[in-house]
Amino acid sequence: MKDVFVGNIVEENGLTVKENNLKIQHKIPLGTLVELQIEEYEEDEKYLGRMRLYVNEHSRDCDGTPIYRVGMHPNFVRDNIKQRTDFNRLLGIYENPKYLIDSIERSMIFRAFPEESLIIIELPK
């Protein structure tokens, strides 16, 4: 039996799943505060919780489905960079600003989620 990539399946309209998904626009704006349910498993126990994070990036899954990368508030990233740069300057430490920004921004995006996993709490102003 040959493996079939879901994105390559041809739908009734003659386009592949991926081609159809790439036509779907992201509906949740960047900067939106969203809530998501978190499920964690440890041995035989399941832990449920809710988290509120911000939509920081629009992306797509391998089959073209719109997904949302969520993380800390964008101002937190900016403020964190300024505080760290000021602190390092006091200590006489120099960090390449591009490296600093990239490393902090990467740490601010946690995971990507599909639209149906996110509950809009507050749109950006």
Protein backbone atom coordinates (compact mmCIF):
# COMPACT_ATOMS: atom_id res chain seq x y z
CA MET A 1 0.00 0.00 0.00
CA LYS A 2 1.34 3.43 -0.95
CA ASP A 3 1.37 6.26 1.60
CA VAL A 4 -0.83 9.22 0.65
CA PHE A 5 -0.17 12.74 1.89
CA VAL A 6 -3.52 14.23 2.97
CA GLY A 7 -2.69 17.53 1.29
CA ASN A 8 -2.48 15.76 -2.09
CA ILE A 9 -5.97 14.24 -1.95
CA VAL A 10 -8.13 15.70 -4.73
CA GLU A 11 -11.49 17.01 -3.53
CA GLU A 12 -14.78 17.29 -5.41
CA ASN A 13 -13.86 20.71 -6.86
CA GLY A 14 -10.80 19.23 -8.61
CA LEU A 15 -8.29 20.91 -6.29
CA THR A 16 -6.17 19.19 -3.68
CA VAL A 17 -6.84 19.58 0.05
CA LYS A 18 -3.72 21.77 0.27
CA GLU A 19 -4.80 23.99 -2.66
CA ASN A 20 -8.21 24.51 -1.03
CA ASN A 21 -6.67 25.18 2.40
CA LEU A 22 -4.24 27.76 0.97
CA LYS A 23 -7.26 29.78 -0.19
CA ILE A 24 -8.54 30.05 3.41
CA GLN A 25 -7.53 33.34 5.02
CA HIS A 26 -6.49 33.69 8.67
CA LYS A 27 -9.47 35.09 10.58
CA ILE A 28 -7.91 35.98 13.95
CA PRO A 29 -5.84 39.19 13.73
CA LEU A 30 -2.29 39.43 15.04
CA GLY A 31 -2.19 40.79 18.60
CA THR A 32 -5.52 39.18 19.58
CA LEU A 33 -5.75 37.83 23.13
CA VAL A 34 -6.97 34.24 22.94
CA GLU A 35 -7.68 31.49 25.40
CA LEU A 36 -6.88 27.84 24.82
CA GLN A 37 -7.37 24.67 26.76
CA ILE A 38 -4.18 22.88 27.69
CA GLU A 39 -4.08 19.13 28.22
CA GLU A 40 -0.99 17.68 29.89
CA TYR A 41 -0.40 14.04 30.65
CA GLU A 42 1.92 12.71 33.32
CA GLU A 43 2.01 8.94 33.67
CA ASP A 44 -1.66 7.97 34.11
CA GLU A 45 -2.97 11.41 35.08
CA LYS A 46 -4.48 14.03 32.82
CA TYR A 47 -4.27 17.71 33.77
CA LEU A 48 -6.53 20.31 32.19
CA GLY A 49 -5.99 24.02 32.29
CA ARG A 50 -6.64 27.20 30.37
CA MET A 51 -4.08 29.70 29.17
CA ARG A 52 -4.43 33.19 27.73
CA LEU A 53 -1.84 34.19 25.16
CA TYR A 54 -1.55 36.51 22.16
CA VAL A 55 -1.59 35.63 18.47
CA ASN A 56 1.94 36.59 17.41
CA GLU A 57 2.25 34.94 14.01
CA HIS A 58 0.13 33.54 11.20
CA SER A 59 1.42 30.29 9.78
CA ARG A 60 0.19 27.17 7.98
CA ASP A 61 0.23 23.47 8.69
CA CYS A 62 1.79 21.05 6.19
CA ASP A 63 -1.55 20.67 4.41
CA GLY A 64 -2.02 24.43 4.13
CA THR A 65 -4.46 24.77 7.05
CA PRO A 66 -4.18 28.24 8.67
CA ILE A 67 -2.65 28.01 12.15
CA TYR A 68 -1.83 30.62 14.77
CA ARG A 69 1.40 30.85 16.74
CA VAL A 70 0.67 32.18 20.21
CA GLY A 71 2.87 33.62 22.93
CA MET A 72 3.51 36.56 25.22
CA HIS A 73 2.27 40.08 24.45
CA PRO A 74 4.43 41.71 21.74
CA ASN A 75 5.23 44.64 24.08
CA PHE A 76 6.67 42.14 26.55
CA VAL A 77 9.23 41.16 23.93
CA ARG A 78 10.17 44.79 23.26
CA ASP A 79 10.37 45.68 26.96
CA ASN A 80 12.38 42.53 27.74
CA ILE A 81 14.93 43.42 25.05
CA LYS A 82 15.31 46.96 26.41
CA GLN A 83 15.69 45.78 30.03
CA ARG A 84 18.21 43.09 29.09
CA THR A 85 20.21 45.50 26.90
CA ASP A 86 20.29 48.15 29.67
CA PHE A 87 21.33 45.55 32.26
CA ASN A 88 24.07 44.14 30.03
CA ARG A 89 25.37 47.66 29.35
CA LEU A 90 25.72 48.22 33.10
CA LEU A 91 27.73 45.00 33.35
CA GLY A 92 29.84 45.84 30.31
CA ILE A 93 28.47 42.91 28.35
CA TYR A 94 27.81 43.31 24.64
CA GLU A 95 25.27 41.14 22.85
CA ASN A 96 24.60 41.36 19.16
CA PRO A 97 21.19 43.12 19.02
CA LYS A 98 19.93 40.92 16.17
CA TYR A 99 20.84 37.75 18.07
CA LEU A 100 19.23 39.15 21.23
CA ILE A 101 15.99 40.04 19.44
CA ASP A 102 15.83 36.68 17.62
CA SER A 103 16.43 34.67 20.79
CA ILE A 104 13.85 36.57 22.83
CA GLU A 105 11.25 36.48 20.04
CA ARG A 106 11.74 32.73 19.59
CA SER A 107 11.17 32.20 23.30
CA MET A 108 7.95 34.23 23.19
CA ILE A 109 6.15 31.96 20.70
CA PHE A 110 5.04 28.76 22.39
CA ARG A 111 3.11 26.65 19.90
CA ALA A 112 0.83 26.79 16.91
CA PHE A 113 -2.89 26.05 17.10
CA PRO A 114 -5.74 25.81 14.60
CA GLU A 115 -8.52 28.40 14.79
CA GLU A 116 -11.01 26.00 16.40
CA SER A 117 -8.70 25.57 19.41
CA LEU A 118 -8.68 29.29 20.22
CA ILE A 119 -11.34 31.38 21.96
CA ILE A 120 -11.10 35.09 21.21
CA ILE A 121 -10.97 37.11 24.44
CA GLU A 122 -9.98 40.56 23.18
CA LEU A 123 -9.20 41.96 19.72
CA PRO A 124 -6.21 44.31 19.36
CA LYS A 125 -6.93 48.01 19.71
